[in-house]
C-alpha cells in the first residue's frame, strides 16, 4: 500500500484534497481569518510564507514521510485549512495526523470532526494502520480538548521536545488511537456529526 499516494476524501461537510501550489492564495486567505499564525504555541505559516510551506509539505510527500491535504468546506466551497498524515511509517503501518490548522470561521463547525473521521477511516480501513498518533503542544488547550473529544488516549508527554522560535521549548503531548479502538471511535464520530 502506498501511504503517500494522493487521494481525495469527501464527507458531508468537508473535502480533503491533495495539497498543490494552486492552493496558495486560498490558504493565505484562510490563515488571515483569525490571524492563525499569531498563535505562539504552534507553527502556522504566515500568508506570505504559504507557498514555501506548501512546497515543504509536497517535498516531504515525495520523500515518503507526509501526505498533505487542503481542507475545503462543502457548504461554501472555500478552502479553510490544511491537515496532514506525517511521520509515516508504512513498514509498521503507523501514521500521525497533524500539522493541522483551520480558519477561525471553520472552527467549531463540525469540519474538524469530519476531517478526522475521513483521515482515520482511510488510515484504518484502506492503509490498514495499526495505530494513528496525534501530537500537540502542552499549551494548546483547544487542540488537546479536540483530540480527547475524538476518543484518542494520551500516551505521554515529550518534554523539551521542540525548539519554538521566540517561545523557548515545546512540551509535546502524544495521543493515539489503536486498531482495536477504531470501530467504537468511528461510531462515536459519526454520532457527533449527526447531532
N, C-alpha and C. Protein backbone atom coordinates (compact mmCIF):
# COMPACT_ATOMS: atom_id res chain seq x y z
N UNK A 1 0.85 -1.19 0.00
CA UNK A 1 0.00 0.00 0.00
C UNK A 1 0.88 1.24 0.00
N UNK A 2 0.60 2.17 -0.89
CA UNK A 2 1.35 3.42 -0.99
C UNK A 2 0.72 4.46 -0.07
N UNK A 3 1.37 4.74 1.05
CA UNK A 3 0.84 5.65 2.06
C UNK A 3 0.84 7.10 1.61
N UNK A 4 1.62 7.44 0.59
CA UNK A 4 1.71 8.84 0.17
C UNK A 4 1.05 9.10 -1.19
N UNK A 5 0.30 8.12 -1.70
CA UNK A 5 -0.42 8.32 -2.96
C UNK A 5 -1.52 9.36 -2.75
N UNK A 6 -1.58 10.41 -3.58
CA UNK A 6 -2.62 11.43 -3.42
C UNK A 6 -4.01 10.81 -3.49
N UNK A 7 -4.87 11.26 -2.60
CA UNK A 7 -6.24 10.76 -2.53
C UNK A 7 -7.14 11.91 -2.09
N UNK A 8 -8.37 11.93 -2.60
CA UNK A 8 -9.38 12.89 -2.17
C UNK A 8 -10.35 12.17 -1.27
N UNK A 9 -10.61 12.76 -0.09
CA UNK A 9 -11.53 12.18 0.89
C UNK A 9 -12.70 13.14 1.06
N UNK A 10 -13.92 12.66 0.79
CA UNK A 10 -15.08 13.53 0.77
C UNK A 10 -16.12 13.09 1.78
N UNK A 11 -16.59 14.05 2.56
CA UNK A 11 -17.68 13.83 3.51
C UNK A 11 -18.82 14.77 3.23
N UNK A 12 -19.73 14.89 4.18
CA UNK A 12 -20.90 15.76 4.03
C UNK A 12 -20.52 17.24 4.18
N UNK A 13 -19.62 17.54 5.13
CA UNK A 13 -19.27 18.92 5.45
C UNK A 13 -17.96 19.39 4.83
N UNK A 14 -17.08 18.44 4.55
CA UNK A 14 -15.73 18.82 4.12
C UNK A 14 -15.16 17.84 3.11
N UNK A 15 -14.24 18.36 2.31
CA UNK A 15 -13.48 17.53 1.37
C UNK A 15 -12.00 17.78 1.62
N UNK A 16 -11.25 16.72 1.73
CA UNK A 16 -9.80 16.80 1.86
C UNK A 16 -9.22 16.46 0.50
N UNK A 17 -8.51 17.42 -0.08
CA UNK A 17 -7.97 17.21 -1.42
C UNK A 17 -6.46 17.33 -1.40
N UNK A 18 -5.78 16.63 -2.30
CA UNK A 18 -4.31 16.68 -2.33
C UNK A 18 -3.82 18.13 -2.42
N UNK A 19 -2.90 18.48 -1.54
CA UNK A 19 -2.35 19.83 -1.49
C UNK A 19 -1.50 20.10 -2.73
N UNK A 20 -1.71 21.25 -3.35
CA UNK A 20 -0.93 21.67 -4.51
C UNK A 20 -0.56 23.15 -4.36
N UNK A 21 0.43 23.63 -5.12
CA UNK A 21 0.75 25.06 -5.09
C UNK A 21 -0.42 25.96 -5.49
N UNK A 22 -1.37 25.42 -6.24
CA UNK A 22 -2.54 26.21 -6.64
C UNK A 22 -3.42 26.59 -5.45
N UNK A 23 -3.23 25.94 -4.30
CA UNK A 23 -4.00 26.27 -3.10
C UNK A 23 -3.44 27.49 -2.35
N UNK A 24 -2.31 28.03 -2.81
CA UNK A 24 -1.62 29.09 -2.06
C UNK A 24 -2.52 30.27 -1.71
N UNK A 25 -3.17 30.88 -2.69
CA UNK A 25 -3.95 32.10 -2.43
C UNK A 25 -5.12 31.81 -1.49
N UNK A 26 -5.79 30.70 -1.72
CA UNK A 26 -6.94 30.36 -0.86
C UNK A 26 -6.48 30.08 0.58
N UNK A 27 -5.34 29.42 0.74
CA UNK A 27 -4.83 29.15 2.08
C UNK A 27 -4.31 30.42 2.75
N UNK A 28 -3.71 31.32 1.98
CA UNK A 28 -3.28 32.60 2.54
C UNK A 28 -4.48 33.39 3.04
N UNK A 29 -5.57 33.34 2.31
CA UNK A 29 -6.80 34.00 2.75
C UNK A 29 -7.36 33.32 4.01
N UNK A 30 -7.34 32.00 4.03
CA UNK A 30 -7.86 31.26 5.18
C UNK A 30 -7.06 31.54 6.45
N UNK A 31 -5.74 31.62 6.33
CA UNK A 31 -4.91 31.84 7.52
C UNK A 31 -5.08 33.26 8.05
N UNK A 32 -5.52 34.19 7.19
CA UNK A 32 -5.82 35.55 7.63
C UNK A 32 -7.08 35.60 8.49
N UNK A 33 -7.98 34.66 8.29
CA UNK A 33 -9.22 34.58 9.07
C UNK A 33 -8.87 34.13 10.49
N UNK A 34 -8.67 35.10 11.36
CA UNK A 34 -8.26 34.81 12.73
C UNK A 34 -6.78 35.01 12.96
N UNK A 35 -6.05 35.39 11.90
CA UNK A 35 -4.59 35.57 12.00
C UNK A 35 -3.95 34.40 12.75
N UNK A 36 -4.18 33.21 12.19
CA UNK A 36 -3.81 31.96 12.87
C UNK A 36 -2.31 31.85 13.15
N UNK A 37 -1.47 32.49 12.35
CA UNK A 37 -0.02 32.39 12.54
C UNK A 37 0.44 33.08 13.83
N UNK A 38 -0.42 33.88 14.45
CA UNK A 38 -0.04 34.59 15.68
C UNK A 38 -0.09 33.70 16.92
N UNK A 39 -0.64 32.49 16.80
CA UNK A 39 -0.68 31.58 17.94
C UNK A 39 0.75 31.18 18.29
N UNK A 40 1.23 31.57 19.44
CA UNK A 40 2.65 31.41 19.79
C UNK A 40 3.05 29.97 20.06
N UNK A 41 2.10 29.11 20.41
CA UNK A 41 2.41 27.75 20.84
C UNK A 41 2.34 26.72 19.71
N UNK A 42 2.13 27.18 18.50
CA UNK A 42 2.08 26.27 17.36
C UNK A 42 2.78 26.93 16.18
N UNK A 43 2.92 26.21 15.09
CA UNK A 43 3.63 26.73 13.93
C UNK A 43 2.70 26.72 12.73
N UNK A 44 2.12 27.88 12.44
CA UNK A 44 1.21 28.04 11.31
C UNK A 44 1.82 29.10 10.40
N UNK A 45 1.87 28.84 9.09
CA UNK A 45 2.55 29.79 8.20
C UNK A 45 1.82 31.12 8.07
N UNK A 46 2.60 32.18 7.95
CA UNK A 46 2.05 33.49 7.63
C UNK A 46 1.61 33.46 6.17
N UNK A 47 0.70 34.36 5.78
CA UNK A 47 0.23 34.36 4.37
C UNK A 47 1.38 34.42 3.36
N UNK A 48 2.38 35.25 3.64
CA UNK A 48 3.48 35.40 2.69
C UNK A 48 4.41 34.18 2.65
N UNK A 49 4.28 33.28 3.62
CA UNK A 49 5.10 32.06 3.66
C UNK A 49 4.33 30.82 3.22
N UNK A 50 3.10 31.01 2.76
CA UNK A 50 2.24 29.86 2.47
C UNK A 50 2.80 28.98 1.35
N UNK A 51 3.30 29.58 0.27
CA UNK A 51 3.82 28.77 -0.83
C UNK A 51 5.01 27.93 -0.36
N UNK A 52 5.89 28.52 0.43
CA UNK A 52 7.04 27.77 0.94
C UNK A 52 6.58 26.60 1.80
N UNK A 53 5.53 26.79 2.61
CA UNK A 53 5.03 25.70 3.44
C UNK A 53 4.39 24.61 2.59
N UNK A 54 3.64 25.00 1.57
CA UNK A 54 3.06 24.01 0.66
C UNK A 54 4.17 23.20 -0.01
N UNK A 55 5.19 23.88 -0.51
CA UNK A 55 6.30 23.20 -1.19
C UNK A 55 7.05 22.29 -0.22
N UNK A 56 7.19 22.71 1.04
CA UNK A 56 7.86 21.86 2.04
C UNK A 56 7.07 20.58 2.26
N UNK A 57 5.76 20.70 2.38
CA UNK A 57 4.93 19.51 2.60
C UNK A 57 4.94 18.59 1.39
N UNK A 58 4.91 19.16 0.20
CA UNK A 58 4.95 18.33 -1.02
C UNK A 58 6.30 17.64 -1.14
N UNK A 59 7.38 18.33 -0.77
CA UNK A 59 8.71 17.72 -0.76
C UNK A 59 8.76 16.54 0.21
N UNK A 60 8.18 16.71 1.40
CA UNK A 60 8.14 15.61 2.37
C UNK A 60 7.31 14.44 1.83
N UNK A 61 6.27 14.75 1.08
CA UNK A 61 5.47 13.70 0.45
C UNK A 61 6.33 12.91 -0.53
N UNK A 62 7.13 13.60 -1.33
CA UNK A 62 7.98 12.93 -2.32
C UNK A 62 9.02 12.04 -1.64
N UNK A 63 9.35 12.34 -0.39
CA UNK A 63 10.31 11.54 0.37
C UNK A 63 9.65 10.42 1.17
N UNK A 64 8.31 10.34 1.09
CA UNK A 64 7.60 9.23 1.73
C UNK A 64 7.22 9.44 3.18
N UNK A 65 7.36 10.67 3.70
CA UNK A 65 7.08 10.85 5.13
C UNK A 65 5.82 11.65 5.41
N UNK A 66 5.13 12.13 4.37
CA UNK A 66 3.98 13.01 4.59
C UNK A 66 2.98 12.88 3.45
N UNK A 67 1.70 13.06 3.78
CA UNK A 67 0.64 13.16 2.77
C UNK A 67 -0.23 14.35 3.15
N UNK A 68 -0.01 15.52 2.50
CA UNK A 68 -0.71 16.74 2.89
C UNK A 68 -2.02 16.96 2.12
N UNK A 69 -2.96 17.62 2.81
CA UNK A 69 -4.27 17.91 2.24
C UNK A 69 -4.62 19.38 2.45
N UNK A 70 -5.34 19.94 1.48
CA UNK A 70 -6.06 21.20 1.69
C UNK A 70 -7.47 20.81 2.11
N UNK A 71 -8.04 21.57 3.04
CA UNK A 71 -9.37 21.29 3.57
C UNK A 71 -10.36 22.27 2.95
N UNK A 72 -11.40 21.72 2.30
CA UNK A 72 -12.41 22.55 1.63
C UNK A 72 -13.76 22.39 2.34
N UNK A 73 -14.41 23.51 2.60
CA UNK A 73 -15.77 23.49 3.16
C UNK A 73 -16.72 23.11 2.02
N UNK A 74 -17.60 22.15 2.25
CA UNK A 74 -18.56 21.78 1.22
C UNK A 74 -19.71 22.78 1.12
N UNK A 75 -20.02 23.53 2.19
CA UNK A 75 -21.14 24.47 2.14
C UNK A 75 -20.84 25.69 1.29
N UNK A 76 -19.60 26.18 1.33
CA UNK A 76 -19.25 27.39 0.57
C UNK A 76 -18.27 27.10 -0.56
N UNK A 77 -17.61 25.95 -0.51
CA UNK A 77 -16.58 25.63 -1.50
C UNK A 77 -15.23 26.26 -1.19
N UNK A 78 -15.13 27.00 -0.07
CA UNK A 78 -13.89 27.71 0.26
C UNK A 78 -12.87 26.77 0.91
N UNK A 79 -11.62 26.98 0.60
CA UNK A 79 -10.52 26.31 1.30
C UNK A 79 -10.42 26.96 2.67
N UNK A 80 -10.38 26.14 3.73
CA UNK A 80 -10.40 26.68 5.09
C UNK A 80 -9.26 26.20 5.97
N UNK A 81 -8.31 25.43 5.42
CA UNK A 81 -7.19 25.00 6.24
C UNK A 81 -6.38 23.89 5.59
N UNK A 82 -5.50 23.32 6.41
CA UNK A 82 -4.62 22.23 5.97
C UNK A 82 -4.62 21.14 7.04
N UNK A 83 -4.38 19.92 6.61
CA UNK A 83 -4.14 18.81 7.52
C UNK A 83 -3.23 17.81 6.82
N UNK A 84 -2.65 16.90 7.57
CA UNK A 84 -1.59 16.06 7.00
C UNK A 84 -1.47 14.73 7.73
N UNK A 85 -1.16 13.68 6.97
CA UNK A 85 -0.54 12.49 7.55
C UNK A 85 0.95 12.79 7.58
N UNK A 86 1.58 12.63 8.72
CA UNK A 86 3.01 12.86 8.78
C UNK A 86 3.68 11.78 9.62
N UNK A 87 5.00 11.81 9.63
CA UNK A 87 5.77 10.75 10.30
C UNK A 87 5.27 9.38 9.89
N UNK A 88 5.06 9.23 8.60
CA UNK A 88 4.53 7.98 8.06
C UNK A 88 5.55 6.85 8.23
N UNK A 89 5.08 5.75 8.78
CA UNK A 89 5.89 4.54 8.92
C UNK A 89 5.11 3.40 8.26
N UNK A 90 5.25 3.29 6.94
CA UNK A 90 4.48 2.31 6.18
C UNK A 90 4.83 0.88 6.58
N UNK A 91 6.09 0.62 6.90
CA UNK A 91 6.50 -0.72 7.29
C UNK A 91 5.74 -1.20 8.52
N UNK A 92 5.57 -0.31 9.49
CA UNK A 92 4.87 -0.67 10.72
C UNK A 92 3.41 -0.21 10.73
N UNK A 93 2.94 0.27 9.58
CA UNK A 93 1.55 0.69 9.39
C UNK A 93 1.10 1.67 10.48
N UNK A 94 1.81 2.78 10.53
CA UNK A 94 1.58 3.78 11.56
C UNK A 94 1.69 5.17 10.93
N UNK A 95 0.75 6.06 11.24
CA UNK A 95 0.81 7.44 10.79
C UNK A 95 0.45 8.37 11.94
N UNK A 96 0.86 9.61 11.80
CA UNK A 96 0.40 10.67 12.68
C UNK A 96 -0.50 11.58 11.87
N UNK A 97 -1.58 12.06 12.47
CA UNK A 97 -2.41 13.09 11.86
C UNK A 97 -2.07 14.39 12.57
N UNK A 98 -1.65 15.38 11.79
CA UNK A 98 -1.27 16.63 12.43
C UNK A 98 -0.93 17.71 11.44
N UNK A 99 -0.15 18.70 11.90
CA UNK A 99 0.17 19.90 11.11
C UNK A 99 -1.12 20.47 10.55
N UNK A 100 -2.15 20.48 11.43
CA UNK A 100 -3.49 20.89 11.06
C UNK A 100 -3.78 22.29 11.58
N UNK A 101 -4.40 23.08 10.74
CA UNK A 101 -4.93 24.37 11.19
C UNK A 101 -6.15 24.71 10.35
N UNK A 102 -7.04 25.50 10.94
CA UNK A 102 -8.27 25.94 10.27
C UNK A 102 -8.46 27.43 10.45
N UNK A 103 -9.08 28.07 9.46
CA UNK A 103 -9.52 29.45 9.61
C UNK A 103 -10.44 29.55 10.82
N UNK A 104 -10.44 30.69 11.49
CA UNK A 104 -11.27 30.86 12.68
C UNK A 104 -12.74 30.55 12.39
N UNK A 105 -13.23 30.94 11.22
CA UNK A 105 -14.64 30.73 10.89
C UNK A 105 -14.99 29.26 10.67
N UNK A 106 -14.00 28.40 10.48
CA UNK A 106 -14.25 26.97 10.27
C UNK A 106 -14.18 26.18 11.57
N UNK A 107 -13.69 26.81 12.63
CA UNK A 107 -13.55 26.12 13.91
C UNK A 107 -14.92 25.96 14.57
N UNK A 108 -15.11 24.83 15.26
CA UNK A 108 -16.36 24.50 15.97
C UNK A 108 -17.56 24.42 15.02
N UNK A 109 -17.31 23.90 13.82
CA UNK A 109 -18.39 23.78 12.83
C UNK A 109 -18.68 22.33 12.45
N UNK A 110 -17.91 21.39 12.93
CA UNK A 110 -18.02 20.00 12.50
C UNK A 110 -17.00 19.66 11.43
N UNK A 111 -16.33 20.66 10.87
CA UNK A 111 -15.35 20.40 9.82
C UNK A 111 -14.19 19.57 10.35
N UNK A 112 -13.65 19.93 11.50
CA UNK A 112 -12.52 19.17 12.06
C UNK A 112 -12.94 17.75 12.41
N UNK A 113 -14.12 17.60 13.02
CA UNK A 113 -14.59 16.26 13.39
C UNK A 113 -14.69 15.38 12.15
N UNK A 114 -15.29 15.92 11.08
CA UNK A 114 -15.44 15.11 9.87
C UNK A 114 -14.10 14.88 9.19
N UNK A 115 -13.21 15.88 9.19
CA UNK A 115 -11.88 15.68 8.60
C UNK A 115 -11.16 14.55 9.32
N UNK A 116 -11.23 14.53 10.64
CA UNK A 116 -10.57 13.46 11.40
C UNK A 116 -11.22 12.12 11.11
N UNK A 117 -12.55 12.08 11.00
CA UNK A 117 -13.25 10.83 10.65
C UNK A 117 -12.76 10.33 9.30
N UNK A 118 -12.66 11.21 8.31
CA UNK A 118 -12.21 10.81 6.98
C UNK A 118 -10.77 10.29 7.02
N UNK A 119 -9.89 11.00 7.73
CA UNK A 119 -8.49 10.59 7.81
C UNK A 119 -8.33 9.27 8.57
N UNK A 120 -9.05 9.13 9.67
CA UNK A 120 -8.96 7.89 10.45
C UNK A 120 -9.52 6.71 9.66
N UNK A 121 -10.65 6.91 8.98
CA UNK A 121 -11.23 5.82 8.18
C UNK A 121 -10.25 5.39 7.09
N UNK A 122 -9.64 6.34 6.41
CA UNK A 122 -8.68 5.99 5.36
C UNK A 122 -7.48 5.25 5.96
N UNK A 123 -7.00 5.75 7.11
CA UNK A 123 -5.83 5.13 7.74
C UNK A 123 -6.12 3.70 8.17
N UNK A 124 -7.22 3.49 8.86
CA UNK A 124 -7.51 2.16 9.39
C UNK A 124 -8.11 1.21 8.36
N UNK A 125 -8.92 1.72 7.45
CA UNK A 125 -9.67 0.84 6.54
C UNK A 125 -8.98 0.63 5.19
N UNK A 126 -8.26 1.64 4.69
CA UNK A 126 -7.56 1.47 3.41
C UNK A 126 -6.07 1.19 3.60
N UNK A 127 -5.43 1.96 4.48
CA UNK A 127 -3.99 1.77 4.69
C UNK A 127 -3.69 0.66 5.69
N UNK A 128 -4.73 0.18 6.39
CA UNK A 128 -4.60 -0.92 7.36
C UNK A 128 -3.62 -0.58 8.48
N UNK A 129 -3.69 0.67 8.95
CA UNK A 129 -2.82 1.09 10.05
C UNK A 129 -3.18 0.34 11.33
N UNK A 130 -2.16 0.14 12.16
CA UNK A 130 -2.39 -0.48 13.47
C UNK A 130 -2.49 0.59 14.56
N UNK A 131 -2.04 1.81 14.26
CA UNK A 131 -2.14 2.92 15.20
C UNK A 131 -2.06 4.23 14.45
N UNK A 132 -2.80 5.22 14.96
CA UNK A 132 -2.75 6.58 14.44
C UNK A 132 -2.45 7.49 15.63
N UNK A 133 -1.47 8.35 15.45
CA UNK A 133 -0.99 9.21 16.53
C UNK A 133 -1.38 10.66 16.29
N UNK A 134 -1.53 11.40 17.37
CA UNK A 134 -1.76 12.84 17.33
C UNK A 134 -0.78 13.48 18.31
N UNK A 135 -0.23 14.62 17.94
CA UNK A 135 0.68 15.35 18.83
C UNK A 135 0.27 16.81 18.86
N UNK A 136 0.41 17.42 20.03
CA UNK A 136 0.11 18.84 20.16
C UNK A 136 0.92 19.44 21.29
N UNK A 137 1.04 20.74 21.26
CA UNK A 137 1.73 21.45 22.33
C UNK A 137 0.97 21.29 23.65
N UNK A 138 1.70 21.12 24.72
CA UNK A 138 1.10 21.07 26.05
C UNK A 138 0.26 22.32 26.30
N UNK A 139 0.66 23.45 25.74
CA UNK A 139 -0.02 24.72 25.97
C UNK A 139 -1.25 24.91 25.08
N UNK A 140 -1.45 24.07 24.08
CA UNK A 140 -2.56 24.23 23.14
C UNK A 140 -3.80 23.53 23.70
N UNK A 141 -4.48 24.22 24.61
CA UNK A 141 -5.64 23.64 25.29
C UNK A 141 -6.75 23.26 24.31
N UNK A 142 -6.98 24.10 23.30
CA UNK A 142 -8.03 23.83 22.33
C UNK A 142 -7.75 22.54 21.55
N UNK A 143 -6.52 22.36 21.12
CA UNK A 143 -6.14 21.16 20.38
C UNK A 143 -6.20 19.92 21.27
N UNK A 144 -5.72 20.05 22.49
CA UNK A 144 -5.76 18.92 23.43
C UNK A 144 -7.19 18.45 23.64
N UNK A 145 -8.10 19.41 23.85
CA UNK A 145 -9.50 19.05 24.08
C UNK A 145 -10.11 18.41 22.84
N UNK A 146 -9.77 18.94 21.66
CA UNK A 146 -10.32 18.39 20.41
C UNK A 146 -9.84 16.96 20.19
N UNK A 147 -8.57 16.69 20.47
CA UNK A 147 -8.04 15.33 20.31
C UNK A 147 -8.71 14.38 21.30
N UNK A 148 -8.88 14.82 22.53
CA UNK A 148 -9.55 13.97 23.54
C UNK A 148 -10.99 13.71 23.14
N UNK A 149 -11.68 14.71 22.57
CA UNK A 149 -13.08 14.52 22.14
C UNK A 149 -13.20 13.48 21.03
N UNK A 150 -12.13 13.29 20.26
CA UNK A 150 -12.14 12.24 19.23
C UNK A 150 -12.22 10.85 19.86
N UNK A 151 -11.72 10.75 21.07
CA UNK A 151 -11.64 9.45 21.74
C UNK A 151 -10.21 8.92 21.80
N UNK A 152 -9.24 9.72 21.38
CA UNK A 152 -7.84 9.31 21.46
C UNK A 152 -7.41 9.29 22.92
N UNK A 153 -6.49 8.42 23.22
CA UNK A 153 -5.95 8.30 24.58
C UNK A 153 -4.57 8.94 24.64
N UNK A 154 -4.30 9.60 25.76
CA UNK A 154 -2.99 10.22 25.93
C UNK A 154 -1.95 9.17 26.26
N UNK A 155 -0.87 9.16 25.48
CA UNK A 155 0.22 8.20 25.68
C UNK A 155 1.31 8.78 26.59
N UNK A 156 1.52 10.09 26.52
CA UNK A 156 2.56 10.67 27.35
C UNK A 156 2.94 12.07 26.90
N UNK A 157 3.97 12.60 27.54
CA UNK A 157 4.46 13.95 27.24
C UNK A 157 5.94 13.86 26.89
N UNK A 158 6.30 14.43 25.75
CA UNK A 158 7.70 14.56 25.35
C UNK A 158 8.16 15.94 25.80
N UNK A 159 8.95 15.99 26.85
CA UNK A 159 9.34 17.26 27.44
C UNK A 159 10.53 17.87 26.70
N UNK A 160 10.50 19.21 26.56
CA UNK A 160 11.51 19.93 25.77
C UNK A 160 11.69 19.27 24.41
N UNK A 161 10.60 18.95 23.77
CA UNK A 161 10.60 18.18 22.54
C UNK A 161 11.01 18.99 21.32
N UNK A 162 10.56 20.25 21.25
CA UNK A 162 10.79 21.06 20.06
C UNK A 162 11.22 22.46 20.48
N UNK A 163 12.19 23.03 19.75
CA UNK A 163 12.56 24.43 19.94
C UNK A 163 11.57 25.29 19.17
N UNK A 164 10.93 26.23 19.87
CA UNK A 164 9.97 27.11 19.23
C UNK A 164 10.60 28.49 19.04
N UNK A 165 10.60 29.02 17.83
CA UNK A 165 11.21 30.34 17.61
C UNK A 165 10.60 31.39 18.53
N UNK A 166 11.43 32.01 19.34
CA UNK A 166 10.98 33.07 20.22
C UNK A 166 10.13 32.64 21.40
N UNK A 167 9.89 31.33 21.54
CA UNK A 167 9.00 30.87 22.61
C UNK A 167 9.63 29.79 23.48
N UNK A 168 10.91 29.55 23.33
CA UNK A 168 11.56 28.54 24.15
C UNK A 168 11.29 27.13 23.65
N UNK A 169 11.06 26.23 24.60
CA UNK A 169 10.86 24.82 24.29
C UNK A 169 9.38 24.48 24.30
N UNK A 170 9.03 23.49 23.49
CA UNK A 170 7.66 22.99 23.48
C UNK A 170 7.64 21.61 24.09
N UNK A 171 6.79 21.41 25.08
CA UNK A 171 6.46 20.08 25.57
C UNK A 171 5.34 19.56 24.68
N UNK A 172 5.48 18.34 24.17
CA UNK A 172 4.52 17.77 23.22
C UNK A 172 3.74 16.65 23.86
N UNK A 173 2.40 16.76 23.84
CA UNK A 173 1.54 15.68 24.29
C UNK A 173 1.32 14.73 23.13
N UNK A 174 1.41 13.44 23.40
CA UNK A 174 1.22 12.41 22.39
C UNK A 174 -0.05 11.63 22.74
N UNK A 175 -0.94 11.51 21.76
CA UNK A 175 -2.18 10.74 21.89
C UNK A 175 -2.18 9.69 20.78
N UNK A 176 -3.00 8.65 20.93
CA UNK A 176 -3.15 7.69 19.84
C UNK A 176 -4.50 7.01 19.90
N UNK A 177 -4.84 6.45 18.75
CA UNK A 177 -5.98 5.54 18.60
C UNK A 177 -5.39 4.29 17.98
N UNK A 178 -5.71 3.14 18.55
CA UNK A 178 -5.19 1.88 18.01
C UNK A 178 -6.30 1.15 17.26
N UNK A 179 -5.85 0.21 16.45
CA UNK A 179 -6.73 -0.52 15.54
C UNK A 179 -7.98 -1.08 16.22
N UNK A 180 -7.82 -1.68 17.40
CA UNK A 180 -8.96 -2.31 18.09
C UNK A 180 -9.97 -1.28 18.59
N UNK A 181 -9.56 -0.02 18.75
CA UNK A 181 -10.46 1.04 19.21
C UNK A 181 -11.24 1.69 18.08
N UNK A 182 -10.78 1.51 16.84
CA UNK A 182 -11.35 2.21 15.71
C UNK A 182 -12.85 2.01 15.54
N UNK A 183 -13.43 0.81 15.61
CA UNK A 183 -14.88 0.69 15.41
C UNK A 183 -15.70 1.54 16.38
N UNK A 184 -15.30 1.60 17.63
CA UNK A 184 -16.02 2.41 18.62
C UNK A 184 -15.82 3.89 18.35
N UNK A 185 -14.60 4.29 18.05
CA UNK A 185 -14.30 5.69 17.74
C UNK A 185 -15.10 6.13 16.51
N UNK A 186 -15.16 5.28 15.50
CA UNK A 186 -15.89 5.60 14.28
C UNK A 186 -17.36 5.86 14.59
N UNK A 187 -17.97 4.99 15.38
CA UNK A 187 -19.38 5.18 15.74
C UNK A 187 -19.57 6.48 16.51
N UNK A 188 -18.64 6.76 17.41
CA UNK A 188 -18.69 7.98 18.22
C UNK A 188 -18.63 9.23 17.32
N UNK A 189 -17.70 9.26 16.37
CA UNK A 189 -17.56 10.42 15.48
C UNK A 189 -18.77 10.58 14.57
N UNK A 190 -19.29 9.46 14.07
CA UNK A 190 -20.48 9.52 13.22
C UNK A 190 -21.67 10.07 14.02
N UNK A 191 -21.80 9.63 15.26
CA UNK A 191 -22.87 10.13 16.14
C UNK A 191 -22.73 11.63 16.35
N UNK A 192 -21.51 12.09 16.63
CA UNK A 192 -21.27 13.53 16.85
C UNK A 192 -21.66 14.34 15.62
N UNK A 193 -21.35 13.83 14.44
CA UNK A 193 -21.67 14.57 13.21
C UNK A 193 -23.16 14.60 12.91
N UNK A 194 -23.89 13.59 13.36
CA UNK A 194 -25.33 13.54 13.11
C UNK A 194 -26.10 14.50 14.03
N UNK A 195 -25.46 14.94 15.11
CA UNK A 195 -26.16 15.79 16.08
C UNK A 195 -26.12 17.24 15.70
